[in-house]
Amino acid sequence: MSWQNIRPHRRHAGAVVIAVALLALTGGCQGGPGLYGGLLAGWFGSPQRPAPAAAPAPDPPPPAPRRADLVVVFKSQRVLELVHDGQVFETFPIALGSHPMGPKEERGDDRTPEGRYFIDRRSKDTRYTRELHISYPNADDIARARAMHVNPGGEIFIHGLPADYGPYNPPRWYHDWTEGCIAVGNLAIDKIWRAVPVGTPIDIVP
């Protein structure tokens, strides 16, 4: 056999290889893995598909605001405490009436009451940012005032500072300045407002 006869056969074989390769490259894209897909995988390795991104974890729900089931005022310590299930969870410095010693007895004596009362209403319609009304006078206060032939007074609140003071909380009060109310800072009254619903008992002790 002459070299002239062998060369055409080699050319034909080369054309077949090229045709198979083209089929592998074109048919494999649409026909799935199959024979040609396996051939490509053997040459180049299997394609690496990115793993699907994990869904982000949902944000945890915000904690529920803590509610007081009791308010305690210690007049001698100038402290107001918020209590839940017997545990104090907030403490605030306070200012009292300008004559802080002893219980309130009559209108205009500038004293802060002493005893068990309740928060019976709340309001933002005040020059002192927010206010919570204390249910003074109670039955004992009224009986004492009658015996003394005086008016027991009323309108006793827990309240903040005037709104133009802004979000201010004094670290302590150096003067008692109210007419018998219990004053706190504006940050404090905002926390008390959110924590103390109407009906909450308040104990004011000497």
Protein backbone atom coordinates (compact mmCIF):
# COMPACT_ATOMS: atom_id res chain seq x y z
CA MET A 1 0.00 0.00 0.00
CA SER A 2 1.43 3.36 -0.94
CA TRP A 3 1.60 6.46 1.27
CA GLN A 4 -0.78 8.13 -1.17
CA ASN A 5 -3.46 5.52 -0.28
CA ILE A 6 -2.99 5.88 3.53
CA ARG A 7 -3.24 9.68 3.74
CA PRO A 8 -6.91 9.94 2.60
CA HIS A 9 -7.92 7.41 5.25
CA ARG A 10 -6.20 9.46 7.92
CA ARG A 11 -7.92 12.56 6.68
CA HIS A 12 -11.28 10.75 6.84
CA ALA A 13 -10.60 9.54 10.40
CA GLY A 14 -9.64 13.05 11.48
CA ALA A 15 -12.87 14.43 10.09
CA VAL A 16 -14.86 11.83 12.07
CA VAL A 17 -13.14 12.82 15.34
CA ILE A 18 -13.87 16.50 14.68
CA ALA A 19 -17.52 15.68 13.91
CA VAL A 20 -17.89 13.68 17.13
CA ALA A 21 -16.36 16.53 19.11
CA LEU A 22 -18.75 19.04 17.54
CA LEU A 23 -21.68 16.80 18.35
CA ALA A 24 -20.48 16.58 21.93
CA LEU A 25 -20.17 20.32 22.21
CA THR A 26 -23.49 21.13 20.55
CA GLY A 27 -25.75 18.22 21.44
CA GLY A 28 -24.60 18.13 25.04
CA CYS A 29 -26.04 21.58 25.78
CA GLN A 30 -29.58 20.54 24.95
CA GLY A 31 -29.67 16.78 25.25
CA GLY A 32 -28.67 16.42 28.89
CA PRO A 33 -25.68 14.37 30.12
CA GLY A 34 -25.99 11.23 27.87
CA LEU A 35 -23.00 9.94 25.96
CA TYR A 36 -21.63 13.29 24.87
CA GLY A 37 -22.24 14.92 28.19
CA GLY A 38 -20.26 12.12 29.80
CA LEU A 39 -17.50 12.62 27.27
CA LEU A 40 -17.29 16.33 28.11
CA ALA A 41 -17.31 15.55 31.82
CA GLY A 42 -14.41 13.20 31.30
CA TRP A 43 -12.46 15.92 29.49
CA PHE A 44 -13.26 18.96 31.59
CA GLY A 45 -14.86 17.68 34.83
CA SER A 46 -18.47 18.04 35.92
CA PRO A 47 -19.84 21.61 36.07
CA GLN A 48 -20.06 23.03 39.60
CA ARG A 49 -23.43 24.68 40.27
CA PRO A 50 -23.52 27.15 43.16
CA ALA A 51 -25.54 25.97 46.17
CA PRO A 52 -28.78 27.92 46.66
CA ALA A 53 -28.39 30.77 49.14
CA ALA A 54 -29.84 30.02 52.57
CA ALA A 55 -32.83 32.14 53.51
CA PRO A 56 -31.90 34.78 56.10
CA ALA A 57 -33.03 34.01 59.63
CA PRO A 58 -36.06 36.10 60.65
CA ASP A 59 -35.45 38.91 63.10
CA PRO A 60 -36.43 38.00 66.67
CA PRO A 61 -39.59 39.73 67.88
CA PRO A 62 -38.97 42.79 70.06
CA PRO A 63 -39.30 42.11 73.78
CA ALA A 64 -42.67 43.01 75.23
CA PRO A 65 -42.55 46.12 77.42
CA ARG A 66 -42.50 45.19 81.09
CA ARG A 67 -45.62 46.13 83.03
CA ALA A 68 -45.63 47.12 86.69
CA ASP A 69 -48.19 45.56 88.99
CA LEU A 70 -47.17 47.90 91.83
CA VAL A 71 -45.57 51.32 92.23
CA VAL A 72 -43.77 52.10 95.50
CA VAL A 73 -42.66 55.59 96.57
CA PHE A 74 -40.22 55.97 99.46
CA LYS A 75 -40.52 59.61 100.48
CA SER A 76 -37.55 59.68 102.84
CA GLN A 77 -35.29 58.14 100.17
CA ARG A 78 -36.74 60.21 97.31
CA VAL A 79 -37.14 57.07 95.20
CA LEU A 80 -39.92 55.63 93.04
CA GLU A 81 -39.80 51.91 92.21
CA LEU A 82 -41.64 49.90 89.57
CA VAL A 83 -42.37 46.36 90.73
CA HIS A 84 -43.50 43.22 88.88
CA ASP A 85 -44.16 39.91 90.68
CA GLY A 86 -42.37 41.21 93.75
CA GLN A 87 -39.22 42.22 91.84
CA VAL A 88 -38.12 45.83 91.37
CA PHE A 89 -37.22 46.39 87.71
CA GLU A 90 -36.90 50.21 87.53
CA THR A 91 -35.91 52.86 90.08
CA PHE A 92 -36.14 56.63 89.62
CA PRO A 93 -35.11 59.61 91.76
CA ILE A 94 -38.02 61.90 92.65
CA ALA A 95 -38.89 65.31 94.03
CA LEU A 96 -41.85 65.79 96.37
CA GLY A 97 -44.04 68.59 97.66
CA SER A 98 -42.16 71.54 99.08
CA HIS A 99 -43.21 70.47 102.62
CA PRO A 100 -42.38 66.77 102.37
CA MET A 101 -42.64 65.67 106.01
CA GLY A 102 -45.86 63.96 107.00
CA PRO A 103 -48.96 63.04 104.98
CA LYS A 104 -51.05 65.49 103.04
CA GLU A 105 -53.94 66.75 105.17
CA GLU A 106 -55.50 69.67 103.38
CA ARG A 107 -55.50 71.69 100.20
CA GLY A 108 -52.52 73.99 99.83
CA ASP A 109 -50.25 72.34 102.44
CA ASP A 110 -47.77 71.32 99.67
CA ARG A 111 -47.39 67.83 101.15
CA THR A 112 -47.27 64.51 99.30
CA PRO A 113 -49.85 61.95 100.49
CA GLU A 114 -48.96 58.73 102.31
CA GLY A 115 -50.91 55.48 102.00
CA ARG A 116 -52.29 53.03 99.43
CA TYR A 117 -53.71 54.60 96.28
CA PHE A 118 -54.25 53.70 92.63
CA ILE A 119 -53.40 55.20 89.25
CA ASP A 120 -56.88 56.12 88.09
CA ARG A 121 -56.22 58.16 84.94
CA ARG A 122 -53.40 59.31 82.67
CA SER A 123 -52.93 62.32 80.43
CA LYS A 124 -50.53 63.90 77.94
CA ASP A 125 -52.48 67.16 78.12
CA THR A 126 -50.14 68.75 80.68
CA ARG A 127 -47.24 71.17 80.74
CA TYR A 128 -45.24 68.44 82.51
CA THR A 129 -44.89 66.15 79.45
CA ARG A 130 -47.02 63.28 80.87
CA GLU A 131 -48.91 62.71 84.08
CA LEU A 132 -50.48 59.81 85.96
CA HIS A 133 -53.17 60.76 88.47
CA ILE A 134 -53.06 59.29 91.98
CA SER A 135 -56.41 58.52 93.60
CA TYR A 136 -55.92 60.84 96.56
CA PRO A 137 -57.95 61.42 98.71
CA ASN A 138 -58.96 57.93 99.78
CA ALA A 139 -61.58 57.17 102.45
CA ASP A 140 -59.12 57.62 105.32
CA ASP A 141 -57.95 60.99 103.97
CA ILE A 142 -61.54 62.22 103.63
CA ALA A 143 -62.42 61.11 107.18
CA ARG A 144 -59.36 62.86 108.61
CA ALA A 145 -60.13 66.07 106.71
CA ARG A 146 -63.73 66.03 107.97
CA ALA A 147 -62.52 65.64 111.53
CA MET A 148 -60.18 68.60 111.00
CA HIS A 149 -62.90 70.63 109.19
CA VAL A 150 -60.63 71.17 106.20
CA ASN A 151 -60.72 70.45 102.49
CA PRO A 152 -58.43 67.44 101.79
CA GLY A 153 -57.40 68.78 98.39
CA GLY A 154 -56.59 66.58 95.42
CA GLU A 155 -55.05 66.60 91.93
CA ILE A 156 -51.92 64.68 92.95
CA PHE A 157 -49.90 63.26 90.03
CA ILE A 158 -46.73 61.51 89.07
CA HIS A 159 -45.41 63.84 86.36
CA GLY A 160 -42.33 64.86 84.41
CA LEU A 161 -40.70 68.20 83.73
CA PRO A 162 -41.96 70.85 81.31
CA ALA A 163 -41.53 69.63 77.74
CA ASP A 164 -38.97 72.31 76.87
CA TYR A 165 -36.47 70.59 79.19
CA GLY A 166 -36.28 67.81 76.59
CA PRO A 167 -35.27 64.22 77.34
CA TYR A 168 -33.63 65.07 80.65
CA ASN A 169 -33.30 62.89 83.76
CA PRO A 170 -31.61 64.51 86.76
CA PRO A 171 -29.40 61.96 88.54
CA ARG A 172 -30.89 63.25 91.79
CA TRP A 173 -33.10 66.06 93.01
CA TYR A 174 -31.63 68.64 95.37
CA HIS A 175 -34.91 70.44 96.14
CA ASP A 176 -38.53 69.42 96.64
CA TRP A 177 -40.54 71.84 94.57
CA THR A 178 -44.03 70.50 93.74
CA GLU A 179 -47.38 71.28 95.37
CA GLY A 180 -47.64 67.69 96.59
CA CYS A 181 -47.07 65.78 93.34
CA ILE A 182 -44.26 63.31 92.64
CA ALA A 183 -41.89 64.68 89.99
CA VAL A 184 -39.49 62.66 87.84
CA GLY A 185 -37.36 63.40 84.77
CA ASN A 186 -38.78 63.30 81.26
CA LEU A 187 -37.03 60.06 80.31
CA ALA A 188 -38.36 58.55 83.53
CA ILE A 189 -41.95 59.66 82.95
CA ASP A 190 -41.84 58.12 79.48
CA LYS A 191 -40.79 54.75 80.96
CA ILE A 192 -43.36 55.01 83.75
CA TRP A 193 -46.06 55.90 81.23
CA ARG A 194 -45.36 52.74 79.20
CA ALA A 195 -45.07 50.50 82.27
CA VAL A 196 -47.93 51.65 84.50
CA PRO A 197 -51.51 51.18 83.26
CA VAL A 198 -54.62 52.62 84.85
CA GLY A 199 -55.60 50.56 87.88
CA THR A 200 -52.04 49.94 89.12
CA PRO A 201 -51.77 50.29 92.93
CA ILE A 202 -49.26 52.76 94.37
CA ASP A 203 -47.93 52.66 97.94
CA ILE A 204 -46.51 55.95 99.21
CA VAL A 205 -44.57 55.37 102.41
CA PRO A 206 -42.77 57.87 104.70
